All heavy atoms as atom14 arrays in JSON, in Angstrom:
{
  "sequence": "GSLRLSCAASGSIFGRKVMGWYRQAPGRQRELVATIGSSGSTN",
  "atom14_mask": [
    [1, 1, 1, 1, 0, 0, 0, 0, 0, 0, 0, 0, 0, 0],
    [1, 1, 1, 1, 1, 1, 0, 0, 0, 0, 0, 0, 0, 0],
    [1, 1, 1, 1, 1, 1, 1, 1, 0, 0, 0, 0, 0, 0],
    [1, 1, 1, 1, 1, 1, 1, 1, 1, 1, 1, 0, 0, 0],
    [1, 1, 1, 1, 1, 1, 1, 1, 0, 0, 0, 0, 0, 0],
    [1, 1, 1, 1, 1, 1, 0, 0, 0, 0, 0, 0, 0, 0],
    [1, 1, 1, 1, 1, 1, 0, 0, 0, 0, 0, 0, 0, 0],
    [1, 1, 1, 1, 1, 0, 0, 0, 0, 0, 0, 0, 0, 0],
    [1, 1, 1, 1, 1, 0, 0, 0, 0, 0, 0, 0, 0, 0],
    [1, 1, 1, 1, 1, 1, 0, 0, 0, 0, 0, 0, 0, 0],
    [1, 1, 1, 1, 0, 0, 0, 0, 0, 0, 0, 0, 0, 0],
    [1, 1, 1, 1, 1, 1, 0, 0, 0, 0, 0, 0, 0, 0],
    [1, 1, 1, 1, 1, 1, 1, 1, 0, 0, 0, 0, 0, 0],
    [1, 1, 1, 1, 1, 1, 1, 1, 1, 1, 1, 0, 0, 0],
    [1, 1, 1, 1, 0, 0, 0, 0, 0, 0, 0, 0, 0, 0],
    [1, 1, 1, 1, 1, 1, 1, 1, 1, 1, 1, 0, 0, 0],
    [1, 1, 1, 1, 1, 1, 1, 1, 1, 0, 0, 0, 0, 0],
    [1, 1, 1, 1, 1, 1, 1, 0, 0, 0, 0, 0, 0, 0],
    [1, 1, 1, 1, 1, 1, 1, 1, 0, 0, 0, 0, 0, 0],
    [1, 1, 1, 1, 0, 0, 0, 0, 0, 0, 0, 0, 0, 0],
    [1, 1, 1, 1, 1, 1, 1, 1, 1, 1, 1, 1, 1, 1],
    [1, 1, 1, 1, 1, 1, 1, 1, 1, 1, 1, 1, 0, 0],
    [1, 1, 1, 1, 1, 1, 1, 1, 1, 1, 1, 0, 0, 0],
    [1, 1, 1, 1, 1, 1, 1, 1, 1, 0, 0, 0, 0, 0],
    [1, 1, 1, 1, 1, 0, 0, 0, 0, 0, 0, 0, 0, 0],
    [1, 1, 1, 1, 1, 1, 1, 0, 0, 0, 0, 0, 0, 0],
    [1, 1, 1, 1, 0, 0, 0, 0, 0, 0, 0, 0, 0, 0],
    [1, 1, 1, 1, 1, 1, 1, 1, 1, 1, 1, 0, 0, 0],
    [1, 1, 1, 1, 1, 1, 1, 1, 1, 0, 0, 0, 0, 0],
    [1, 1, 1, 1, 1, 1, 1, 1, 1, 1, 1, 0, 0, 0],
    [1, 1, 1, 1, 1, 1, 1, 1, 1, 0, 0, 0, 0, 0],
    [1, 1, 1, 1, 1, 1, 1, 1, 0, 0, 0, 0, 0, 0],
    [1, 1, 1, 1, 1, 1, 1, 0, 0, 0, 0, 0, 0, 0],
    [1, 1, 1, 1, 1, 0, 0, 0, 0, 0, 0, 0, 0, 0],
    [1, 1, 1, 1, 1, 1, 1, 0, 0, 0, 0, 0, 0, 0],
    [1, 1, 1, 1, 1, 1, 1, 1, 0, 0, 0, 0, 0, 0],
    [1, 1, 1, 1, 0, 0, 0, 0, 0, 0, 0, 0, 0, 0],
    [1, 1, 1, 1, 1, 1, 0, 0, 0, 0, 0, 0, 0, 0],
    [1, 1, 1, 1, 1, 1, 0, 0, 0, 0, 0, 0, 0, 0],
    [1, 1, 1, 1, 0, 0, 0, 0, 0, 0, 0, 0, 0, 0],
    [1, 1, 1, 1, 1, 1, 0, 0, 0, 0, 0, 0, 0, 0],
    [1, 1, 1, 1, 1, 1, 1, 0, 0, 0, 0, 0, 0, 0],
    [1, 1, 1, 1, 1, 1, 1, 1, 0, 0, 0, 0, 0, 0]
  ],
  "atom14_positions": [
    [[11.55, 6.07, 7.49], [10.72, 7.23, 7.74], [10.82, 8.27, 6.64], [11.53, 8.09, 5.65], [0.0, 0.0, 0.0], [0.0, 0.0, 0.0], [0.0, 0.0, 0.0], [0.0, 0.0, 0.0], [0.0, 0.0, 0.0], [0.0, 0.0, 0.0], [0.0, 0.0, 0.0], [0.0, 0.0, 0.0], [0.0, 0.0, 0.0], [0.0, 0.0, 0.0]],
    [[10.11, 9.38, 6.84], [10.04, 10.44, 5.84], [10.28, 11.8, 6.47], [9.98, 12.03, 7.65], [8.68, 10.45, 5.15], [8.44, 9.25, 4.44], [0.0, 0.0, 0.0], [0.0, 0.0, 0.0], [0.0, 0.0, 0.0], [0.0, 0.0, 0.0], [0.0, 0.0, 0.0], [0.0, 0.0, 0.0], [0.0, 0.0, 0.0], [0.0, 0.0, 0.0]],
    [[10.82, 12.71, 5.68], [10.97, 14.11, 6.04], [10.72, 14.96, 4.8], [10.94, 14.5, 3.68], [12.37, 14.41, 6.57], [12.74, 13.96, 7.98], [14.22, 14.22, 8.23], [11.9, 14.69, 9.02], [0.0, 0.0, 0.0], [0.0, 0.0, 0.0], [0.0, 0.0, 0.0], [0.0, 0.0, 0.0], [0.0, 0.0, 0.0], [0.0, 0.0, 0.0]],
    [[10.27, 16.18, 5.02], [10.1, 17.13, 3.94], [10.88, 18.39, 4.26], [10.6, 19.07, 5.25], [8.63, 17.48, 3.72], [8.39, 18.27, 2.43], [6.96, 18.75, 2.33], [6.63, 19.23, 1.0], [5.84, 20.27, 0.75], [5.27, 20.93, 1.74], [5.59, 20.62, -0.5], [0.0, 0.0, 0.0], [0.0, 0.0, 0.0], [0.0, 0.0, 0.0]],
    [[11.87, 18.7, 3.43], [12.67, 19.89, 3.6], [12.11, 21.03, 2.76], [11.62, 20.81, 1.65], [14.12, 19.63, 3.17], [14.85, 18.46, 3.84], [16.29, 18.4, 3.35], [14.79, 18.57, 5.35], [0.0, 0.0, 0.0], [0.0, 0.0, 0.0], [0.0, 0.0, 0.0], [0.0, 0.0, 0.0], [0.0, 0.0, 0.0], [0.0, 0.0, 0.0]],
    [[12.2, 22.23, 3.3], [11.78, 23.43, 2.59], [12.92, 24.43, 2.57], [13.71, 24.5, 3.51], [10.56, 24.07, 3.25], [9.45, 23.2, 3.25], [0.0, 0.0, 0.0], [0.0, 0.0, 0.0], [0.0, 0.0, 0.0], [0.0, 0.0, 0.0], [0.0, 0.0, 0.0], [0.0, 0.0, 0.0], [0.0, 0.0, 0.0], [0.0, 0.0, 0.0]],
    [[12.99, 25.21, 1.52], [13.98, 26.27, 1.41], [13.32, 27.48, 0.79], [12.88, 27.42, -0.37], [15.17, 25.82, 0.57], [16.37, 27.13, 0.21], [0.0, 0.0, 0.0], [0.0, 0.0, 0.0], [0.0, 0.0, 0.0], [0.0, 0.0, 0.0], [0.0, 0.0, 0.0], [0.0, 0.0, 0.0], [0.0, 0.0, 0.0], [0.0, 0.0, 0.0]],
    [[13.24, 28.56, 1.54], [12.64, 29.8, 1.08], [13.72, 30.81, 0.74], [14.59, 31.08, 1.57], [11.69, 30.36, 2.13], [0.0, 0.0, 0.0], [0.0, 0.0, 0.0], [0.0, 0.0, 0.0], [0.0, 0.0, 0.0], [0.0, 0.0, 0.0], [0.0, 0.0, 0.0], [0.0, 0.0, 0.0], [0.0, 0.0, 0.0], [0.0, 0.0, 0.0]],
    [[13.65, 31.35, -0.45], [14.62, 32.34, -0.91], [14.03, 33.73, -0.8], [12.87, 33.96, -1.14], [15.04, 32.06, -2.35], [0.0, 0.0, 0.0], [0.0, 0.0, 0.0], [0.0, 0.0, 0.0], [0.0, 0.0, 0.0], [0.0, 0.0, 0.0], [0.0, 0.0, 0.0], [0.0, 0.0, 0.0], [0.0, 0.0, 0.0], [0.0, 0.0, 0.0]],
    [[14.84, 34.66, -0.32], [14.43, 36.06, -0.24], [15.51, 36.94, -0.83], [16.67, 36.53, -0.96], [14.12, 36.47, 1.2], [15.29, 36.36, 2.02], [0.0, 0.0, 0.0], [0.0, 0.0, 0.0], [0.0, 0.0, 0.0], [0.0, 0.0, 0.0], [0.0, 0.0, 0.0], [0.0, 0.0, 0.0], [0.0, 0.0, 0.0], [0.0, 0.0, 0.0]],
    [[15.15, 38.17, -1.16], [16.07, 39.07, -1.82], [15.92, 38.99, -3.33], [15.13, 38.21, -3.85], [0.0, 0.0, 0.0], [0.0, 0.0, 0.0], [0.0, 0.0, 0.0], [0.0, 0.0, 0.0], [0.0, 0.0, 0.0], [0.0, 0.0, 0.0], [0.0, 0.0, 0.0], [0.0, 0.0, 0.0], [0.0, 0.0, 0.0], [0.0, 0.0, 0.0]],
    [[16.68, 39.79, -4.02], [16.59, 39.87, -5.48], [17.52, 38.85, -6.13], [18.74, 38.92, -5.96], [16.95, 41.28, -5.94], [16.02, 42.23, -5.44], [0.0, 0.0, 0.0], [0.0, 0.0, 0.0], [0.0, 0.0, 0.0], [0.0, 0.0, 0.0], [0.0, 0.0, 0.0], [0.0, 0.0, 0.0], [0.0, 0.0, 0.0], [0.0, 0.0, 0.0]],
    [[16.93, 37.94, -6.86], [17.67, 36.95, -7.64], [17.2, 37.07, -9.08], [16.06, 36.73, -9.39], [17.47, 35.52, -7.11], [17.8, 35.44, -5.62], [18.33, 34.55, -7.91], [17.55, 34.07, -5.02], [0.0, 0.0, 0.0], [0.0, 0.0, 0.0], [0.0, 0.0, 0.0], [0.0, 0.0, 0.0], [0.0, 0.0, 0.0], [0.0, 0.0, 0.0]],
    [[18.07, 37.54, -9.94], [17.7, 37.8, -11.32], [18.14, 36.68, -12.25], [19.16, 36.03, -12.02], [18.3, 39.14, -11.78], [17.85, 40.32, -10.98], [18.65, 40.85, -9.98], [16.62, 40.9, -11.22], [18.23, 41.94, -9.24], [16.18, 41.99, -10.48], [17.0, 42.51, -9.49], [0.0, 0.0, 0.0], [0.0, 0.0, 0.0], [0.0, 0.0, 0.0]],
    [[17.38, 36.5, -13.3], [17.69, 35.49, -14.29], [16.94, 34.2, -14.05], [16.19, 34.06, -13.07], [0.0, 0.0, 0.0], [0.0, 0.0, 0.0], [0.0, 0.0, 0.0], [0.0, 0.0, 0.0], [0.0, 0.0, 0.0], [0.0, 0.0, 0.0], [0.0, 0.0, 0.0], [0.0, 0.0, 0.0], [0.0, 0.0, 0.0], [0.0, 0.0, 0.0]],
    [[17.13, 33.25, -14.95], [16.51, 31.94, -14.79], [17.19, 31.2, -13.63], [18.4, 31.24, -13.5], [16.62, 31.13, -16.08], [15.83, 31.72, -17.22], [15.79, 30.79, -18.42], [17.12, 30.56, -18.97], [17.65, 29.36, -19.13], [16.97, 28.28, -18.79], [18.86, 29.24, -19.65], [0.0, 0.0, 0.0], [0.0, 0.0, 0.0], [0.0, 0.0, 0.0]],
    [[16.39, 30.55, -12.82], [16.89, 29.93, -11.6], [16.77, 28.42, -11.62], [15.7, 27.87, -11.9], [16.14, 30.5, -10.39], [16.36, 31.99, -10.18], [15.52, 32.51, -9.02], [14.08, 32.71, -9.45], [13.93, 33.8, -10.43], [0.0, 0.0, 0.0], [0.0, 0.0, 0.0], [0.0, 0.0, 0.0], [0.0, 0.0, 0.0], [0.0, 0.0, 0.0]],
    [[17.87, 27.78, -11.34], [17.88, 26.35, -11.07], [18.01, 26.17, -9.56], [18.93, 26.72, -8.95], [19.04, 25.64, -11.79], [19.06, 24.16, -11.43], [18.93, 25.83, -13.3], [0.0, 0.0, 0.0], [0.0, 0.0, 0.0], [0.0, 0.0, 0.0], [0.0, 0.0, 0.0], [0.0, 0.0, 0.0], [0.0, 0.0, 0.0], [0.0, 0.0, 0.0]],
    [[17.11, 25.43, -8.97], [17.09, 25.23, -7.53], [17.42, 23.78, -7.23], [17.05, 22.88, -7.98], [15.73, 25.62, -6.95], [15.24, 26.99, -7.39], [13.66, 27.5, -6.67], [14.22, 28.09, -5.06], [0.0, 0.0, 0.0], [0.0, 0.0, 0.0], [0.0, 0.0, 0.0], [0.0, 0.0, 0.0], [0.0, 0.0, 0.0], [0.0, 0.0, 0.0]],
    [[18.11, 23.57, -6.12], [18.49, 22.2, -5.82], [18.85, 21.97, -4.38], [18.88, 22.89, -3.55], [0.0, 0.0, 0.0], [0.0, 0.0, 0.0], [0.0, 0.0, 0.0], [0.0, 0.0, 0.0], [0.0, 0.0, 0.0], [0.0, 0.0, 0.0], [0.0, 0.0, 0.0], [0.0, 0.0, 0.0], [0.0, 0.0, 0.0], [0.0, 0.0, 0.0]],
    [[19.11, 20.7, -4.1], [19.55, 20.26, -2.79], [20.84, 19.48, -2.92], [20.99, 18.64, -3.82], [18.49, 19.38, -2.12], [17.25, 20.13, -1.73], [16.12, 20.28, -2.46], [17.04, 20.84, -0.51], [15.2, 21.04, -1.77], [15.74, 21.39, -0.57], [17.81, 21.05, 0.63], [15.2, 22.14, 0.47], [17.27, 21.8, 1.66], [15.99, 22.34, 1.58]],
    [[21.77, 19.75, -2.02], [23.02, 19.04, -1.91], [23.17, 18.55, -0.48], [22.47, 19.03, 0.42], [24.2, 19.93, -2.29], [24.19, 20.38, -3.74], [23.28, 21.31, -4.2], [25.11, 19.85, -4.65], [23.26, 21.71, -5.52], [25.1, 20.25, -5.98], [24.19, 21.18, -6.41], [24.18, 21.57, -7.72], [0.0, 0.0, 0.0], [0.0, 0.0, 0.0]],
    [[24.07, 17.61, -0.25], [24.28, 17.13, 1.11], [25.75, 16.82, 1.32], [26.49, 16.54, 0.38], [23.42, 15.9, 1.4], [23.79, 14.65, 0.61], [22.77, 13.55, 0.88], [23.11, 12.32, 0.17], [22.34, 11.25, 0.12], [21.16, 11.25, 0.75], [22.72, 10.16, -0.54], [0.0, 0.0, 0.0], [0.0, 0.0, 0.0], [0.0, 0.0, 0.0]],
    [[26.14, 16.86, 2.59], [27.52, 16.57, 2.96], [27.54, 15.79, 4.26], [27.04, 16.27, 5.29], [28.32, 17.86, 3.11], [29.8, 17.64, 3.34], [30.6, 18.92, 3.2], [30.07, 20.02, 3.3], [31.89, 18.78, 2.97], [0.0, 0.0, 0.0], [0.0, 0.0, 0.0], [0.0, 0.0, 0.0], [0.0, 0.0, 0.0], [0.0, 0.0, 0.0]],
    [[28.1, 14.6, 4.21], [28.28, 13.77, 5.38], [29.68, 13.99, 5.94], [30.59, 14.42, 5.22], [28.07, 12.3, 5.02], [0.0, 0.0, 0.0], [0.0, 0.0, 0.0], [0.0, 0.0, 0.0], [0.0, 0.0, 0.0], [0.0, 0.0, 0.0], [0.0, 0.0, 0.0], [0.0, 0.0, 0.0], [0.0, 0.0, 0.0], [0.0, 0.0, 0.0]],
    [[29.9, 13.69, 7.23], [31.23, 13.88, 7.82], [32.32, 13.16, 7.05], [32.18, 11.98, 6.72], [31.07, 13.3, 9.23], [29.61, 13.45, 9.53], [28.92, 13.21, 8.22], [0.0, 0.0, 0.0], [0.0, 0.0, 0.0], [0.0, 0.0, 0.0], [0.0, 0.0, 0.0], [0.0, 0.0, 0.0], [0.0, 0.0, 0.0], [0.0, 0.0, 0.0]],
    [[33.39, 13.87, 6.76], [34.52, 13.28, 6.06], [34.32, 13.08, 4.58], [35.19, 12.48, 3.93], [0.0, 0.0, 0.0], [0.0, 0.0, 0.0], [0.0, 0.0, 0.0], [0.0, 0.0, 0.0], [0.0, 0.0, 0.0], [0.0, 0.0, 0.0], [0.0, 0.0, 0.0], [0.0, 0.0, 0.0], [0.0, 0.0, 0.0], [0.0, 0.0, 0.0]],
    [[33.23, 13.56, 4.03], [32.95, 13.39, 2.61], [32.7, 14.73, 1.95], [32.38, 15.72, 2.61], [31.73, 12.48, 2.41], [31.91, 11.09, 3.0], [30.64, 10.27, 2.89], [30.24, 10.04, 1.52], [29.15, 9.35, 1.16], [28.37, 8.85, 2.1], [28.86, 9.19, -0.11], [0.0, 0.0, 0.0], [0.0, 0.0, 0.0], [0.0, 0.0, 0.0]],
    [[32.86, 14.77, 0.64], [32.61, 15.99, -0.11], [31.12, 16.22, -0.29], [30.32, 15.28, -0.25], [33.29, 15.93, -1.48], [34.81, 15.95, -1.42], [35.43, 16.03, -2.8], [34.81, 15.65, -3.8], [36.65, 16.53, -2.85], [0.0, 0.0, 0.0], [0.0, 0.0, 0.0], [0.0, 0.0, 0.0], [0.0, 0.0, 0.0], [0.0, 0.0, 0.0]],
    [[30.77, 17.47, -0.49], [29.38, 17.8, -0.76], [28.96, 17.19, -2.1], [29.69, 17.27, -3.09], [29.19, 19.31, -0.78], [27.75, 19.77, -0.87], [27.63, 21.29, -0.69], [28.15, 21.73, 0.6], [28.08, 22.97, 1.04], [27.52, 23.91, 0.3], [28.59, 23.28, 2.23], [0.0, 0.0, 0.0], [0.0, 0.0, 0.0], [0.0, 0.0, 0.0]],
    [[27.79, 16.59, -2.13], [27.31, 15.93, -3.33], [25.91, 16.4, -3.69], [25.12, 16.79, -2.84], [27.3, 14.41, -3.16], [26.34, 13.91, -2.09], [26.26, 12.4, -2.01], [26.75, 11.72, -2.93], [25.69, 11.88, -1.02], [0.0, 0.0, 0.0], [0.0, 0.0, 0.0], [0.0, 0.0, 0.0], [0.0, 0.0, 0.0], [0.0, 0.0, 0.0]],
    [[25.62, 16.33, -4.96], [24.31, 16.7, -5.46], [23.28, 15.65, -5.05], [23.54, 14.45, -5.12], [24.34, 16.83, -6.99], [23.04, 17.23, -7.69], [23.36, 18.09, -8.91], [22.25, 16.0, -8.12], [0.0, 0.0, 0.0], [0.0, 0.0, 0.0], [0.0, 0.0, 0.0], [0.0, 0.0, 0.0], [0.0, 0.0, 0.0], [0.0, 0.0, 0.0]],
    [[22.12, 16.12, -4.61], [20.99, 15.25, -4.32], [19.96, 15.34, -5.44], [19.57, 14.33, -6.03], [20.34, 15.59, -2.97], [19.11, 14.72, -2.72], [21.35, 15.43, -1.84], [0.0, 0.0, 0.0], [0.0, 0.0, 0.0], [0.0, 0.0, 0.0], [0.0, 0.0, 0.0], [0.0, 0.0, 0.0], [0.0, 0.0, 0.0], [0.0, 0.0, 0.0]],
    [[19.5, 16.55, -5.73], [18.5, 16.76, -6.77], [18.48, 18.21, -7.18], [18.79, 19.1, -6.39], [17.11, 16.33, -6.29], [0.0, 0.0, 0.0], [0.0, 0.0, 0.0], [0.0, 0.0, 0.0], [0.0, 0.0, 0.0], [0.0, 0.0, 0.0], [0.0, 0.0, 0.0], [0.0, 0.0, 0.0], [0.0, 0.0, 0.0], [0.0, 0.0, 0.0]],
    [[18.12, 18.47, -8.43], [17.93, 19.83, -8.92], [16.63, 19.9, -9.7], [16.13, 18.89, -10.21], [19.08, 20.3, -9.83], [19.17, 19.45, -10.98], [20.4, 20.29, -9.08], [0.0, 0.0, 0.0], [0.0, 0.0, 0.0], [0.0, 0.0, 0.0], [0.0, 0.0, 0.0], [0.0, 0.0, 0.0], [0.0, 0.0, 0.0], [0.0, 0.0, 0.0]],
    [[16.1, 21.11, -9.81], [14.91, 21.35, -10.61], [15.09, 22.65, -11.35], [15.43, 23.68, -10.78], [13.63, 21.34, -9.73], [12.39, 21.53, -10.59], [13.71, 22.38, -8.62], [11.09, 21.21, -9.85], [0.0, 0.0, 0.0], [0.0, 0.0, 0.0], [0.0, 0.0, 0.0], [0.0, 0.0, 0.0], [0.0, 0.0, 0.0], [0.0, 0.0, 0.0]],
    [[14.87, 22.62, -12.66], [15.05, 23.78, -13.5], [13.84, 24.68, -13.53], [12.79, 24.37, -12.96], [0.0, 0.0, 0.0], [0.0, 0.0, 0.0], [0.0, 0.0, 0.0], [0.0, 0.0, 0.0], [0.0, 0.0, 0.0], [0.0, 0.0, 0.0], [0.0, 0.0, 0.0], [0.0, 0.0, 0.0], [0.0, 0.0, 0.0], [0.0, 0.0, 0.0]],
    [[13.98, 25.8, -14.22], [12.89, 26.76, -14.3], [11.67, 26.21, -15.02], [10.55, 26.65, -14.77], [13.37, 28.05, -14.98], [13.84, 27.78, -16.29], [0.0, 0.0, 0.0], [0.0, 0.0, 0.0], [0.0, 0.0, 0.0], [0.0, 0.0, 0.0], [0.0, 0.0, 0.0], [0.0, 0.0, 0.0], [0.0, 0.0, 0.0], [0.0, 0.0, 0.0]],
    [[11.89, 25.26, -15.92], [10.79, 24.63, -16.65], [10.19, 23.44, -15.91], [9.22, 22.84, -16.39], [11.26, 24.19, -18.03], [12.23, 23.16, -17.93], [0.0, 0.0, 0.0], [0.0, 0.0, 0.0], [0.0, 0.0, 0.0], [0.0, 0.0, 0.0], [0.0, 0.0, 0.0], [0.0, 0.0, 0.0], [0.0, 0.0, 0.0], [0.0, 0.0, 0.0]],
    [[10.77, 23.08, -14.77], [10.28, 21.96, -14.01], [11.03, 20.66, -14.23], [10.68, 19.65, -13.62], [0.0, 0.0, 0.0], [0.0, 0.0, 0.0], [0.0, 0.0, 0.0], [0.0, 0.0, 0.0], [0.0, 0.0, 0.0], [0.0, 0.0, 0.0], [0.0, 0.0, 0.0], [0.0, 0.0, 0.0], [0.0, 0.0, 0.0], [0.0, 0.0, 0.0]],
    [[12.02, 20.67, -15.09], [12.82, 19.47, -15.31], [13.62, 19.13, -14.06], [14.11, 20.03, -13.38], [13.74, 19.64, -16.52], [14.64, 20.72, -16.3], [0.0, 0.0, 0.0], [0.0, 0.0, 0.0], [0.0, 0.0, 0.0], [0.0, 0.0, 0.0], [0.0, 0.0, 0.0], [0.0, 0.0, 0.0], [0.0, 0.0, 0.0], [0.0, 0.0, 0.0]],
    [[13.76, 17.85, -13.77], [14.42, 17.42, -12.55], [15.59, 16.5, -12.84], [15.65, 15.84, -13.88], [13.44, 16.69, -11.62], [12.86, 15.58, -12.31], [12.32, 17.63, -11.18], [0.0, 0.0, 0.0], [0.0, 0.0, 0.0], [0.0, 0.0, 0.0], [0.0, 0.0, 0.0], [0.0, 0.0, 0.0], [0.0, 0.0, 0.0], [0.0, 0.0, 0.0]],
    [[16.51, 16.46, -11.89], [17.67, 15.58, -11.97], [17.95, 15.06, -10.57], [17.95, 15.84, -9.61], [18.88, 16.33, -12.53], [20.08, 15.44, -12.7], [20.04, 14.46, -13.43], [21.17, 15.77, -12.01], [0.0, 0.0, 0.0], [0.0, 0.0, 0.0], [0.0, 0.0, 0.0], [0.0, 0.0, 0.0], [0.0, 0.0, 0.0], [0.0, 0.0, 0.0]]
  ]
}
């Protein structure tokens, strides 16, 4: 199946912003899922 997650930021955030998603399963450390830079580059 599929899901679409959204994250809305509010308040003052200054400077160039890298936005991303991380996840944490029970008993495991938080891990990177994906990031996107200010220029649109993704990882």
